[in-house]
Amino acid sequence: MSAADMALMTAFLIQDYAATKGKPVTRFRIPKAVLWPGPMPEARREQLVAAWKEALLADWGWIAFDNGKHFALIEAQLVKGWVMLGGKRFTETKLKIRGEGKAALNAMRQSLTDAAKTAAPVQAAA
């Protein structure tokens, strides 16, 4: 099955699931093993997956990304409303790292560790 055909089938299955449940579906997970099961050279599988992701976005408006043993999918239009970390923040922070070196990286690591200790545990969606 071609990547474009797999993208079509994926979009159809999402639509069918939403229709069956009677509610819109804006995000989804798909086990990686179900797309092209069976023996296949890894390079070929990677080519198919990349083409599937491209077709899924271009033809059907879904962004797919790797998430462990799954692909996570989200409607592309939803991403437009997400907060953007712009280039200015990245440039300023890279300059700080360049100037301070490991000390800056260690401070970032410590800040993230401290925040994780005080944050509420993340619960998996049902």
PDB file of N, CA and C in Angstrom:
ATOM      1  N   MET A   1       0.852  -1.180   0.000  1.00  0.00           N
ATOM      2  CA  MET A   1       0.000   0.000   0.000  1.00  0.00           C
ATOM      3  C   MET A   1       0.892   1.236   0.000  1.00  0.00           C
ATOM      4  N   SER A   2       0.559   2.207  -0.834  1.00  0.00           N
ATOM      5  CA  SER A   2       1.355   3.426  -0.918  1.00  0.00           C
ATOM      6  C   SER A   2       1.128   4.295   0.318  1.00  0.00           C
ATOM      7  N   ALA A   3       2.030   5.229   0.521  1.00  0.00           N
ATOM      8  CA  ALA A   3       1.903   6.156   1.645  1.00  0.00           C
ATOM      9  C   ALA A   3       0.655   7.022   1.503  1.00  0.00           C
ATOM     10  N   ALA A   4       0.366   7.460   0.273  1.00  0.00           N
ATOM     11  CA  ALA A   4      -0.834   8.282   0.046  1.00  0.00           C
ATOM     12  C   ALA A   4      -2.102   7.485   0.348  1.00  0.00           C
ATOM     13  N   ASP A   5      -2.113   6.211  -0.038  1.00  0.00           N
ATOM     14  CA  ASP A   5      -3.269   5.360   0.261  1.00  0.00           C
ATOM     15  C   ASP A   5      -3.406   5.143   1.767  1.00  0.00           C
ATOM     16  N   MET A   6      -2.279   4.974   2.444  1.00  0.00           N
ATOM     17  CA  MET A   6      -2.308   4.788   3.898  1.00  0.00           C
ATOM     18  C   MET A   6      -2.805   6.058   4.581  1.00  0.00           C
ATOM     19  N   ALA A   7      -2.426   7.224   4.065  1.00  0.00           N
ATOM     20  CA  ALA A   7      -2.915   8.487   4.625  1.00  0.00           C
ATOM     21  C   ALA A   7      -4.423   8.619   4.434  1.00  0.00           C
ATOM     22  N   LEU A   8      -4.898   8.253   3.246  1.00  0.00           N
ATOM     23  CA  LEU A   8      -6.335   8.262   2.983  1.00  0.00           C
ATOM     24  C   LEU A   8      -7.059   7.341   3.952  1.00  0.00           C
ATOM     25  N   MET A   9      -6.556   6.131   4.105  1.00  0.00           N
ATOM     26  CA  MET A   9      -7.188   5.175   5.006  1.00  0.00           C
ATOM     27  C   MET A   9      -7.165   5.689   6.447  1.00  0.00           C
ATOM     28  N   THR A  10      -6.060   6.292   6.866  1.00  0.00           N
ATOM     29  CA  THR A  10      -5.951   6.834   8.223  1.00  0.00           C
ATOM     30  C   THR A  10      -6.999   7.918   8.455  1.00  0.00           C
ATOM     31  N   ALA A  11      -7.099   8.859   7.513  1.00  0.00           N
ATOM     32  CA  ALA A  11      -8.085   9.935   7.644  1.00  0.00           C
ATOM     33  C   ALA A  11      -9.504   9.376   7.668  1.00  0.00           C
ATOM     34  N   PHE A  12      -9.768   8.380   6.831  1.00  0.00           N
ATOM     35  CA  PHE A  12     -11.089   7.753   6.820  1.00  0.00           C
ATOM     36  C   PHE A  12     -11.394   7.096   8.162  1.00  0.00           C
ATOM     37  N   LEU A  13     -10.438   6.364   8.712  1.00  0.00           N
ATOM     38  CA  LEU A  13     -10.664   5.677   9.992  1.00  0.00           C
ATOM     39  C   LEU A  13     -10.908   6.672  11.123  1.00  0.00           C
ATOM     40  N   ILE A  14     -10.214   7.805  11.087  1.00  0.00           N
ATOM     41  CA  ILE A  14     -10.448   8.843  12.097  1.00  0.00           C
ATOM     42  C   ILE A  14     -11.870   9.386  11.955  1.00  0.00           C
ATOM     43  N   GLN A  15     -12.266   9.694  10.724  1.00  0.00           N
ATOM     44  CA  GLN A  15     -13.614  10.202  10.479  1.00  0.00           C
ATOM     45  C   GLN A  15     -14.662   9.172  10.892  1.00  0.00           C
ATOM     46  N   ASP A  16     -14.437   7.915  10.548  1.00  0.00           N
ATOM     47  CA  ASP A  16     -15.375   6.848  10.878  1.00  0.00           C
ATOM     48  C   ASP A  16     -15.500   6.685  12.392  1.00  0.00           C
ATOM     49  N   TYR A  17     -14.372   6.749  13.096  1.00  0.00           N
ATOM     50  CA  TYR A  17     -14.393   6.645  14.551  1.00  0.00           C
ATOM     51  C   TYR A  17     -15.205   7.798  15.144  1.00  0.00           C
ATOM     52  N   ALA A  18     -14.952   9.026  14.661  1.00  0.00           N
ATOM     53  CA  ALA A  18     -15.673  10.198  15.161  1.00  0.00           C
ATOM     54  C   ALA A  18     -17.175  10.064  14.910  1.00  0.00           C
ATOM     55  N   ALA A  19     -17.540   9.573  13.724  1.00  0.00           N
ATOM     56  CA  ALA A  19     -18.956   9.393  13.400  1.00  0.00           C
ATOM     57  C   ALA A  19     -19.591   8.346  14.307  1.00  0.00           C
ATOM     58  N   THR A  20     -18.872   7.272  14.561  1.00  0.00           N
ATOM     59  CA  THR A  20     -19.387   6.209  15.430  1.00  0.00           C
ATOM     60  C   THR A  20     -19.595   6.716  16.854  1.00  0.00           C
ATOM     61  N   LYS A  21     -18.641   7.528  17.338  1.00  0.00           N
ATOM     62  CA  LYS A  21     -18.735   8.063  18.700  1.00  0.00           C
ATOM     63  C   LYS A  21     -19.672   9.265  18.781  1.00  0.00           C
ATOM     64  N   GLY A  22     -19.990   9.863  17.633  1.00  0.00           N
ATOM     65  CA  GLY A  22     -20.882  11.014  17.625  1.00  0.00           C
ATOM     66  C   GLY A  22     -20.257  12.278  18.161  1.00  0.00           C
ATOM     67  N   LYS A  23     -18.938  12.372  18.050  1.00  0.00           N
ATOM     68  CA  LYS A  23     -18.253  13.579  18.516  1.00  0.00           C
ATOM     69  C   LYS A  23     -16.991  13.785  17.691  1.00  0.00           C
ATOM     70  N   PRO A  24     -16.556  15.037  17.585  1.00  0.00           N
ATOM     71  CA  PRO A  24     -15.344  15.293  16.798  1.00  0.00           C
ATOM     72  C   PRO A  24     -14.110  14.702  17.474  1.00  0.00           C
ATOM     73  N   VAL A  25     -13.172  14.298  16.663  1.00  0.00           N
ATOM     74  CA  VAL A  25     -11.902  13.785  17.162  1.00  0.00           C
ATOM     75  C   VAL A  25     -10.816  14.704  16.626  1.00  0.00           C
ATOM     76  N   THR A  26     -10.053  15.302  17.524  1.00  0.00           N
ATOM     77  CA  THR A  26      -9.019  16.245  17.108  1.00  0.00           C
ATOM     78  C   THR A  26      -7.609  15.714  17.361  1.00  0.00           C
ATOM     79  N   ARG A  27      -7.512  14.598  18.064  1.00  0.00           N
ATOM     80  CA  ARG A  27      -6.206  13.987  18.314  1.00  0.00           C
ATOM     81  C   ARG A  27      -6.389  12.483  18.401  1.00  0.00           C
ATOM     82  N   PHE A  28      -5.322  11.785  18.081  1.00  0.00           N
ATOM     83  CA  PHE A  28      -5.403  10.336  17.931  1.00  0.00           C
ATOM     84  C   PHE A  28      -4.044   9.722  18.155  1.00  0.00           C
ATOM     85  N   ARG A  29      -4.004   8.458  18.516  1.00  0.00           N
ATOM     86  CA  ARG A  29      -2.757   7.683  18.543  1.00  0.00           C
ATOM     87  C   ARG A  29      -2.938   6.459  17.666  1.00  0.00           C
ATOM     88  N   ILE A  30      -1.865   6.089  16.983  1.00  0.00           N
ATOM     89  CA  ILE A  30      -1.880   4.897  16.139  1.00  0.00           C
ATOM     90  C   ILE A  30      -0.625   4.094  16.454  1.00  0.00           C
ATOM     91  N   PRO A  31      -0.765   2.812  16.779  1.00  0.00           N
ATOM     92  CA  PRO A  31       0.440   1.998  16.990  1.00  0.00           C
ATOM     93  C   PRO A  31       1.281   1.961  15.713  1.00  0.00           C
ATOM     94  N   LYS A  32       2.577   2.174  15.856  1.00  0.00           N
ATOM     95  CA  LYS A  32       3.467   2.181  14.690  1.00  0.00           C
ATOM     96  C   LYS A  32       3.400   0.867  13.918  1.00  0.00           C
ATOM     97  N   ALA A  33       3.228  -0.216  14.639  1.00  0.00           N
ATOM     98  CA  ALA A  33       3.283  -1.540  14.012  1.00  0.00           C
ATOM     99  C   ALA A  33       2.133  -1.816  13.053  1.00  0.00           C
ATOM    100  N   VAL A  34       1.047  -1.043  13.113  1.00  0.00           N
ATOM    101  CA  VAL A  34      -0.105  -1.358  12.263  1.00  0.00           C
ATOM    102  C   VAL A  34      -0.014  -0.768  10.860  1.00  0.00           C
ATOM    103  N   LEU A  35       0.837   0.225  10.664  1.00  0.00           N
ATOM    104  CA  LEU A  35       0.883   0.870   9.355  1.00  0.00           C
ATOM    105  C   LEU A  35       1.436  -0.056   8.274  1.00  0.00           C
ATOM    106  N   TRP A  36       2.640  -0.505   8.445  1.00  0.00           N
ATOM    107  CA  TRP A  36       3.251  -1.431   7.484  1.00  0.00           C
ATOM    108  C   TRP A  36       3.864  -2.587   8.269  1.00  0.00           C
ATOM    109  N   PRO A  37       3.015  -3.528   8.713  1.00  0.00           N
ATOM    110  CA  PRO A  37       3.519  -4.647   9.507  1.00  0.00           C
ATOM    111  C   PRO A  37       4.344  -5.607   8.647  1.00  0.00           C
ATOM    112  N   GLY A  38       5.101  -6.411   9.306  1.00  0.00           N
ATOM    113  CA  GLY A  38       5.879  -7.426   8.597  1.00  0.00           C
ATOM    114  C   GLY A  38       7.292  -6.975   8.303  1.00  0.00           C
ATOM    115  N   PRO A  39       8.069  -7.898   7.788  1.00  0.00           N
ATOM    116  CA  PRO A  39       9.471  -7.592   7.515  1.00  0.00           C
ATOM    117  C   PRO A  39       9.602  -6.600   6.360  1.00  0.00           C
ATOM    118  N   MET A  40      10.486  -5.635   6.569  1.00  0.00           N
ATOM    119  CA  MET A  40      10.741  -4.619   5.553  1.00  0.00           C
ATOM    120  C   MET A  40      12.055  -3.945   5.937  1.00  0.00           C
ATOM    121  N   PRO A  41      12.894  -3.619   4.976  1.00  0.00           N
ATOM    122  CA  PRO A  41      14.114  -2.881   5.308  1.00  0.00           C
ATOM    123  C   PRO A  41      13.764  -1.573   6.031  1.00  0.00           C
ATOM    124  N   GLU A  42      14.509  -1.265   7.068  1.00  0.00           N
ATOM    125  CA  GLU A  42      14.207  -0.093   7.893  1.00  0.00           C
ATOM    126  C   GLU A  42      14.216   1.198   7.070  1.00  0.00           C
ATOM    127  N   ALA A  43      15.144   1.301   6.127  1.00  0.00           N
ATOM    128  CA  ALA A  43      15.199   2.511   5.291  1.00  0.00           C
ATOM    129  C   ALA A  43      13.917   2.669   4.482  1.00  0.00           C
ATOM    130  N   ARG A  44      13.382   1.583   3.957  1.00  0.00           N
ATOM    131  CA  ARG A  44      12.133   1.632   3.187  1.00  0.00           C
ATOM    132  C   ARG A  44      10.963   2.033   4.086  1.00  0.00           C
ATOM    133  N   ARG A  45      10.919   1.464   5.300  1.00  0.00           N
ATOM    134  CA  ARG A  45       9.849   1.801   6.245  1.00  0.00           C
ATOM    135  C   ARG A  45       9.908   3.297   6.580  1.00  0.00           C
ATOM    136  N   GLU A  46      11.095   3.808   6.812  1.00  0.00           N
ATOM    137  CA  GLU A  46      11.244   5.230   7.136  1.00  0.00           C
ATOM    138  C   GLU A  46      10.787   6.114   5.979  1.00  0.00           C
ATOM    139  N   GLN A  47      11.078   5.707   4.742  1.00  0.00           N
ATOM    140  CA  GLN A  47      10.617   6.457   3.573  1.00  0.00           C
ATOM    141  C   GLN A  47       9.092   6.469   3.505  1.00  0.00           C
ATOM    142  N   LEU A  48       8.482   5.313   3.721  1.00  0.00           N
ATOM    143  CA  LEU A  48       7.022   5.227   3.679  1.00  0.00           C
ATOM    144  C   LEU A  48       6.390   6.080   4.770  1.00  0.00           C
ATOM    145  N   VAL A  49       6.941   6.018   5.970  1.00  0.00           N
ATOM    146  CA  VAL A  49       6.393   6.792   7.085  1.00  0.00           C
ATOM    147  C   VAL A  49       6.514   8.284   6.799  1.00  0.00           C
ATOM    148  N   ALA A  50       7.663   8.722   6.286  1.00  0.00           N
ATOM    149  CA  ALA A  50       7.841  10.144   5.965  1.00  0.00           C
ATOM    150  C   ALA A  50       6.837  10.585   4.902  1.00  0.00           C
ATOM    151  N   ALA A  51       6.645   9.770   3.881  1.00  0.00           N
ATOM    152  CA  ALA A  51       5.678  10.107   2.828  1.00  0.00           C
ATOM    153  C   ALA A  51       4.251  10.077   3.368  1.00  0.00           C
ATOM    154  N   TRP A  52       3.953   9.142   4.274  1.00  0.00           N
ATOM    155  CA  TRP A  52       2.627   9.067   4.912  1.00  0.00           C
ATOM    156  C   TRP A  52       2.351  10.346   5.704  1.00  0.00           C
ATOM    157  N   LYS A  53       3.347  10.786   6.485  1.00  0.00           N
ATOM    158  CA  LYS A  53       3.189  12.014   7.264  1.00  0.00           C
ATOM    159  C   LYS A  53       2.941  13.207   6.348  1.00  0.00           C
ATOM    160  N   GLU A  54       3.698  13.289   5.262  1.00  0.00           N
ATOM    161  CA  GLU A  54       3.523  14.396   4.316  1.00  0.00           C
ATOM    162  C   GLU A  54       2.125  14.376   3.700  1.00  0.00           C
ATOM    163  N   ALA A  55       1.682  13.214   3.251  1.00  0.00           N
ATOM    164  CA  ALA A  55       0.354  13.104   2.633  1.00  0.00           C
ATOM    165  C   ALA A  55      -0.749  13.367   3.645  1.00  0.00           C
ATOM    166  N   LEU A  56      -0.565  12.888   4.848  1.00  0.00           N
ATOM    167  CA  LEU A  56      -1.566  13.087   5.894  1.00  0.00           C
ATOM    168  C   LEU A  56      -1.776  14.580   6.162  1.00  0.00           C
ATOM    169  N   LEU A  57      -0.690  15.338   6.167  1.00  0.00           N
ATOM    170  CA  LEU A  57      -0.793  16.776   6.381  1.00  0.00           C
ATOM    171  C   LEU A  57      -1.311  17.494   5.136  1.00  0.00           C
ATOM    172  N   ALA A  58      -0.685  17.240   4.004  1.00  0.00           N
ATOM    173  CA  ALA A  58      -1.033  17.967   2.778  1.00  0.00           C
ATOM    174  C   ALA A  58      -2.448  17.662   2.293  1.00  0.00           C
ATOM    175  N   ASP A  59      -2.837  16.402   2.354  1.00  0.00           N
ATOM    176  CA  ASP A  59      -4.128  15.996   1.794  1.00  0.00           C
ATOM    177  C   ASP A  59      -5.279  16.023   2.798  1.00  0.00           C
ATOM    178  N   TRP A  60      -4.962  15.774   4.088  1.00  0.00           N
ATOM    179  CA  TRP A  60      -6.058  15.567   5.041  1.00  0.00           C
ATOM    180  C   TRP A  60      -5.991  16.444   6.284  1.00  0.00           C
ATOM    181  N   GLY A  61      -4.942  17.268   6.422  1.00  0.00           N
ATOM    182  CA  GLY A  61      -4.893  18.236   7.524  1.00  0.00           C
ATOM    183  C   GLY A  61      -4.553  17.660   8.882  1.00  0.00           C
ATOM    184  N   TRP A  62      -3.801  16.563   8.910  1.00  0.00           N
ATOM    185  CA  TRP A  62      -3.389  15.950  10.172  1.00  0.00           C
ATOM    186  C   TRP A  62      -1.875  15.956  10.280  1.00  0.00           C
ATOM    187  N   ILE A  63      -1.353  16.346  11.438  1.00  0.00           N
ATOM    188  CA  ILE A  63       0.082  16.293  11.722  1.00  0.00           C
ATOM    189  C   ILE A  63       0.335  15.013  12.502  1.00  0.00           C
ATOM    190  N   ALA A  64       1.313  14.239  12.065  1.00  0.00           N
ATOM    191  CA  ALA A  64       1.686  13.004  12.749  1.00  0.00           C
ATOM    192  C   ALA A  64       3.121  13.130  13.238  1.00  0.00           C
ATOM    193  N   PHE A  65       3.361  12.675  14.464  1.00  0.00           N
ATOM    194  CA  PHE A  65       4.728  12.673  14.978  1.00  0.00           C
ATOM    195  C   PHE A  65       4.945  11.435  15.835  1.00  0.00           C
ATOM    196  N   ASP A  66       6.203  11.048  15.955  1.00  0.00           N
ATOM    197  CA  ASP A  66       6.553   9.862  16.726  1.00  0.00           C
ATOM    198  C   ASP A  66       6.327  10.116  18.209  1.00  0.00           C
ATOM    199  N   ASN A  67       5.807   9.098  18.879  1.00  0.00           N
ATOM    200  CA  ASN A  67       5.573   9.168  20.313  1.00  0.00           C
ATOM    201  C   ASN A  67       5.772   7.767  20.884  1.00  0.00           C
ATOM    202  N   GLY A  68       7.015   7.345  20.977  1.00  0.00           N
ATOM    203  CA  GLY A  68       7.304   6.010  21.485  1.00  0.00           C
ATOM    204  C   GLY A  68       6.850   4.941  20.513  1.00  0.00           C
ATOM    205  N   LYS A  69       5.990   4.054  20.964  1.00  0.00           N
ATOM    206  CA  LYS A  69       5.498   2.964  20.128  1.00  0.00           C
ATOM    207  C   LYS A  69       4.313   3.385  19.256  1.00  0.00           C
ATOM    208  N   HIS A  70       3.949   4.656  19.346  1.00  0.00           N
ATOM    209  CA  HIS A  70       2.793   5.155  18.609  1.00  0.00           C
ATOM    210  C   HIS A  70       3.178   6.343  17.731  1.00  0.00           C
ATOM    211  N   PHE A  71       2.289   6.652  16.811  1.00  0.00           N
ATOM    212  CA  PHE A  71       2.295   7.948  16.163  1.00  0.00           C
ATOM    213  C   PHE A  71       1.167   8.727  16.820  1.00  0.00           C
ATOM    214  N   ALA A  72       1.442   9.959  17.162  1.00  0.00           N
ATOM    215  CA  ALA A  72       0.414  10.842  17.685  1.00  0.00           C
ATOM    216  C   ALA A  72      -0.026  11.745  16.549  1.00  0.00           C
ATOM    217  N   LEU A  73      -1.319  11.915  16.402  1.00  0.00           N
ATOM    218  CA  LEU A  73      -1.873  12.751  15.342  1.00  0.00           C
ATOM    219  C   LEU A  73      -2.708  13.854  15.962  1.00  0.00           C
ATOM    220  N   ILE A  74      -2.627  15.031  15.366  1.00  0.00           N
ATOM    221  CA  ILE A  74      -3.435  16.158  15.799  1.00  0.00           C
ATOM    222  C   ILE A  74      -3.856  16.938  14.559  1.00  0.00           C
ATOM    223  N   GLU A  75      -5.052  17.477  14.600  1.00  0.00           N
ATOM    224  CA  GLU A  75      -5.517  18.294  13.480  1.00  0.00           C
ATOM    225  C   GLU A  75      -4.604  19.509  13.349  1.00  0.00           C
ATOM    226  N   ALA A  76      -4.121  19.750  12.155  1.00  0.00           N
ATOM    227  CA  ALA A  76      -3.169  20.834  11.918  1.00  0.00           C
ATOM    228  C   ALA A  76      -3.738  22.199  12.295  1.00  0.00           C
ATOM    229  N   GLN A  77      -5.015  22.415  12.073  1.00  0.00           N
ATOM    230  CA  GLN A  77      -5.605  23.725  12.372  1.00  0.00           C
ATOM    231  C   GLN A  77      -5.528  24.065  13.853  1.00  0.00           C
ATOM    232  N   LEU A  78      -5.490  23.062  14.728  1.00  0.00           N
ATOM    233  CA  LEU A  78      -5.415  23.321  16.161  1.00  0.00           C
ATOM    234  C   LEU A  78      -4.063  23.877  16.575  1.00  0.00           C
ATOM    235  N   VAL A  79      -3.021  23.508  15.855  1.00  0.00           N
ATOM    236  CA  VAL A  79      -1.666  23.931  16.195  1.00  0.00           C
ATOM    237  C   VAL A  79      -1.490  25.435  15.992  1.00  0.00           C
ATOM    238  N   LYS A  80      -2.271  26.011  15.098  1.00  0.00           N
ATOM    239  CA  LYS A  80      -2.162  27.445  14.829  1.00  0.00           C
ATOM    240  C   LYS A  80      -2.410  28.282  16.079  1.00  0.00           C
ATOM    241  N   GLY A  81      -3.196  27.782  17.014  1.00  0.00           N
ATOM    242  CA  GLY A  81      -3.515  28.516  18.228  1.00  0.00           C
ATOM    243  C   GLY A  81      -2.541  28.295  19.373  1.00  0.00           C
ATOM    244  N   TRP A  82      -1.541  27.477  19.168  1.00  0.00           N
ATOM    245  CA  TRP A  82      -0.572  27.201  20.234  1.00  0.00           C
ATOM    246  C   TRP A  82       0.368  28.388  20.436  1.00  0.00           C
ATOM    247  N   VAL A  83       0.868  28.514  21.647  1.00  0.00           N
ATOM    248  CA  VAL A  83       1.862  29.535  21.963  1.00  0.00           C
ATOM    249  C   VAL A  83       3.137  29.229  21.188  1.00  0.00           C
ATOM    250  N   MET A  84       3.774  30.278  20.670  1.00  0.00           N
ATOM    251  CA  MET A  84       5.004  30.091  19.905  1.00  0.00           C
ATOM    252  C   MET A  84       6.196  30.613  20.699  1.00  0.00           C
ATOM    253  N   LEU A  85       7.216  29.783  20.793  1.00  0.00           N
ATOM    254  CA  LEU A  85       8.491  30.244  21.318  1.00  0.00           C
ATOM    255  C   LEU A  85       9.278  30.762  20.131  1.00  0.00           C
ATOM    256  N   GLY A  86       9.425  32.058  20.062  1.00  0.00           N
ATOM    257  CA  GLY A  86      10.025  32.676  18.886  1.00  0.00           C
ATOM    258  C   GLY A  86      11.540  32.664  18.878  1.00  0.00           C
ATOM    259  N   GLY A  87      12.058  33.091  17.746  1.00  0.00           N
ATOM    260  CA  GLY A  87      13.498  33.096  17.519  1.00  0.00           C
ATOM    261  C   GLY A  87      14.261  33.970  18.487  1.00  0.00           C
ATOM    262  N   LYS A  88      13.652  35.069  18.928  1.00  0.00           N
ATOM    263  CA  LYS A  88      14.344  35.980  19.854  1.00  0.00           C
ATOM    264  C   LYS A  88      14.717  35.259  21.157  1.00  0.00           C
ATOM    265  N   ARG A  89      13.784  34.488  21.705  1.00  0.00           N
ATOM    266  CA  ARG A  89      14.082  33.749  22.946  1.00  0.00           C
ATOM    267  C   ARG A  89      15.212  32.748  22.733  1.00  0.00           C
ATOM    268  N   PHE A  90      15.154  32.027  21.606  1.00  0.00           N
ATOM    269  CA  PHE A  90      16.195  31.042  21.329  1.00  0.00           C
ATOM    270  C   PHE A  90      17.551  31.722  21.134  1.00  0.00           C
ATOM    271  N   THR A  91      17.575  32.817  20.395  1.00  0.00           N
ATOM    272  CA  THR A  91      18.826  33.531  20.149  1.00  0.00           C
ATOM    273  C   THR A  91      19.431  34.045  21.448  1.00  0.00           C
ATOM    274  N   GLU A  92      18.617  34.677  22.279  1.00  0.00           N
ATOM    275  CA  GLU A  92      19.107  35.210  23.552  1.00  0.00           C
ATOM    276  C   GLU A  92      19.630  34.098  24.458  1.00  0.00           C
ATOM    277  N   THR A  93      18.916  32.982  24.496  1.00  0.00           N
ATOM    278  CA  THR A  93      19.323  31.877  25.363  1.00  0.00           C
ATOM    279  C   THR A  93      20.592  31.211  24.843  1.00  0.00           C
ATOM    280  N   LYS A  94      20.714  31.055  23.526  1.00  0.00           N
ATOM    281  CA  LYS A  94      21.953  30.490  22.969  1.00  0.00           C
ATOM    282  C   LYS A  94      23.143  31.395  23.271  1.00  0.00           C
ATOM    283  N   LEU A  95      22.948  32.706  23.203  1.00  0.00           N
ATOM    284  CA  LEU A  95      24.027  33.630  23.544  1.00  0.00           C
ATOM    285  C   LEU A  95      24.426  33.493  25.009  1.00  0.00           C
ATOM    286  N   LYS A  96      23.438  33.312  25.869  1.00  0.00           N
ATOM    287  CA  LYS A  96      23.720  33.128  27.294  1.00  0.00           C
ATOM    288  C   LYS A  96      24.524  31.844  27.506  1.00  0.00           C
ATOM    289  N   ILE A  97      24.142  30.785  26.840  1.00  0.00           N
ATOM    290  CA  ILE A  97      24.870  29.520  26.965  1.00  0.00           C
ATOM    291  C   ILE A  97      26.289  29.682  26.432  1.00  0.00           C
ATOM    292  N   ARG A  98      26.413  30.365  25.306  1.00  0.00           N
ATOM    293  CA  ARG A  98      27.742  30.587  24.732  1.00  0.00           C
ATOM    294  C   ARG A  98      28.625  31.347  25.718  1.00  0.00           C
ATOM    295  N   GLY A  99      28.041  32.325  26.425  1.00  0.00           N
ATOM    296  CA  GLY A  99      28.809  33.131  27.378  1.00  0.00           C
ATOM    297  C   GLY A  99      29.095  32.427  28.691  1.00  0.00           C
ATOM    298  N   GLU A 100      28.124  31.682  29.190  1.00  0.00           N
ATOM    299  CA  GLU A 100      28.261  31.060  30.507  1.00  0.00           C
ATOM    300  C   GLU A 100      28.607  29.578  30.447  1.00  0.00           C
ATOM    301  N   GLY A 101      28.418  28.966  29.310  1.00  0.00           N
ATOM    302  CA  GLY A 101      28.771  27.554  29.142  1.00  0.00           C
ATOM    303  C   GLY A 101      27.942  26.626  29.999  1.00  0.00           C
ATOM    304  N   LYS A 102      28.627  25.654  30.598  1.00  0.00           N
ATOM    305  CA  LYS A 102      27.963  24.609  31.395  1.00  0.00           C
ATOM    306  C   LYS A 102      27.161  25.186  32.553  1.00  0.00           C
ATOM    307  N   ALA A 103      27.575  26.306  33.101  1.00  0.00           N
ATOM    308  CA  ALA A 103      26.843  26.897  34.229  1.00  0.00           C
ATOM    309  C   ALA A 103      25.415  27.246  33.821  1.00  0.00           C
ATOM    310  N   ALA A 104      25.261  27.800  32.634  1.00  0.00           N
ATOM    311  CA  ALA A 104      23.920  28.153  32.152  1.00  0.00           C
ATOM    312  C   ALA A 104      23.082  26.903  31.929  1.00  0.00           C
ATOM    313  N   LEU A 105      23.689  25.874  31.324  1.00  0.00           N
ATOM    314  CA  LEU A 105      22.965  24.617  31.094  1.00  0.00           C
ATOM    315  C   LEU A 105      22.587  23.953  32.414  1.00  0.00           C
ATOM    316  N   ASN A 106      23.491  23.959  33.382  1.00  0.00           N
ATOM    317  CA  ASN A 106      23.190  23.375  34.690  1.00  0.00           C
ATOM    318  C   ASN A 106      22.066  24.130  35.393  1.00  0.00           C
ATOM    319  N   ALA A 107      22.043  25.462  35.257  1.00  0.00           N
ATOM    320  CA  ALA A 107      20.968  26.251  35.868  1.00  0.00           C
ATOM    321  C   ALA A 107      19.622  25.918  35.216  1.00  0.00           C
ATOM    322  N   MET A 108      19.619  25.722  33.898  1.00  0.00           N
ATOM    323  CA  MET A 108      18.387  25.340  33.208  1.00  0.00           C
ATOM    324  C   MET A 108      17.913  23.979  33.682  1.00  0.00           C
ATOM    325  N   ARG A 109      18.847  23.030  33.769  1.00  0.00           N
ATOM    326  CA  ARG A 109      18.507  21.679  34.220  1.00  0.00           C
ATOM    327  C   ARG A 109      17.923  21.713  35.636  1.00  0.00           C
ATOM    328  N   GLN A 110      18.550  22.495  36.506  1.00  0.00           N
ATOM    329  CA  GLN A 110      18.071  22.596  37.888  1.00  0.00           C
ATOM    330  C   GLN A 110      16.689  23.225  37.945  1.00  0.00           C
ATOM    331  N   SER A 111      16.460  24.244  37.137  1.00  0.00           N
ATOM    332  CA  SER A 111      15.154  24.892  37.099  1.00  0.00           C
ATOM    333  C   SER A 111      14.066  23.916  36.670  1.00  0.00           C
ATOM    334  N   LEU A 112      14.348  23.118  35.645  1.00  0.00           N
ATOM    335  CA  LEU A 112      13.376  22.118  35.183  1.00  0.00           C
ATOM    336  C   LEU A 112      13.143  21.040  36.235  1.00  0.00           C
ATOM    337  N   THR A 113      14.210  20.607  36.891  1.00  0.00           N
ATOM    338  CA  THR A 113      14.087  19.584  37.942  1.00  0.00           C
ATOM    339  C   THR A 113      13.244  20.103  39.102  1.00  0.00           C
ATOM    340  N   ASP A 114      13.515  21.342  39.534  1.00  0.00           N
ATOM    341  CA  ASP A 114      12.746  21.936  40.635  1.00  0.00           C
ATOM    342  C   ASP A 114      11.270  22.086  40.263  1.00  0.00           C
ATOM    343  N   ALA A 115      11.009  22.524  39.033  1.00  0.00           N
ATOM    344  CA  ALA A 115       9.625  22.694  38.582  1.00  0.00           C
ATOM    345  C   ALA A 115       8.894  21.359  38.527  1.00  0.00           C
ATOM    346  N   ALA A 116       9.588  20.312  38.102  1.00  0.00           N
ATOM    347  CA  ALA A 116       8.972  18.983  38.013  1.00  0.00           C
ATOM    348  C   ALA A 116       8.607  18.456  39.402  1.00  0.00           C
ATOM    349  N   LYS A 117       9.404  18.782  40.394  1.00  0.00           N
ATOM    350  CA  LYS A 117       9.124  18.315  41.766  1.00  0.00           C
ATOM    351  C   LYS A 117       7.881  18.966  42.343  1.00  0.00           C
ATOM    352  N   THR A 118       7.606  20.213  41.939  1.00  0.00           N
ATOM    353  CA  THR A 118       6.475  20.943  42.511  1.00  0.00           C
ATOM    354  C   THR A 118       5.207  20.838  41.644  1.00  0.00           C
ATOM    355  N   ALA A 119       5.358  20.355  40.424  1.00  0.00           N
ATOM    356  CA  ALA A 119       4.214  20.261  39.518  1.00  0.00           C
ATOM    357  C   ALA A 119       3.303  19.101  39.910  1.00  0.00           C
ATOM    358  N   ALA A 120       2.027  19.280  39.609  1.00  0.00           N
ATOM    359  CA  ALA A 120       1.068  18.200  39.836  1.00  0.00           C
ATOM    360  C   ALA A 120       1.369  17.072  38.847  1.00  0.00           C
ATOM    361  N   PRO A 121       1.183  15.829  39.255  1.00  0.00           N
ATOM    362  CA  PRO A 121       1.423  14.723  38.321  1.00  0.00           C
ATOM    363  C   PRO A 121       0.500  14.813  37.113  1.00  0.00           C
ATOM    364  N   VAL A 122       1.048  14.478  35.961  1.00  0.00           N
ATOM    365  CA  VAL A 122       0.266  14.474  34.722  1.00  0.00           C
ATOM    366  C   VAL A 122      -0.500  13.177  34.664  1.00  0.00           C
ATOM    367  N   GLN A 123      -1.806  13.272  34.404  1.00  0.00           N
ATOM    368  CA  GLN A 123      -2.634  12.071  34.299  1.00  0.00           C
ATOM    369  C   GLN A 123      -2.865  11.747  32.844  1.00  0.00           C
ATOM    370  N   ALA A 124      -2.786  10.476  32.530  1.00  0.00           N
ATOM    371  CA  ALA A 124      -3.023  10.027  31.151  1.00  0.00           C
ATOM    372  C   ALA A 124      -4.497  10.203  30.821  1.00  0.00           C
ATOM    373  N   ALA A 125      -4.755  10.596  29.579  1.00  0.00           N
ATOM    374  CA  ALA A 125      -6.136  10.744  29.116  1.00  0.00           C
ATOM    375  C   ALA A 125      -6.784   9.379  28.996  1.00  0.00           C
ATOM    376  N   ALA A 126      -8.047   9.310  29.329  1.00  0.00           N
ATOM    377  CA  ALA A 126      -8.758   8.028  29.253  1.00  0.00           C
ATOM    378  C   ALA A 126      -9.106   7.673  27.843  1.00  0.00           C
TER     379      ALA A 126
END
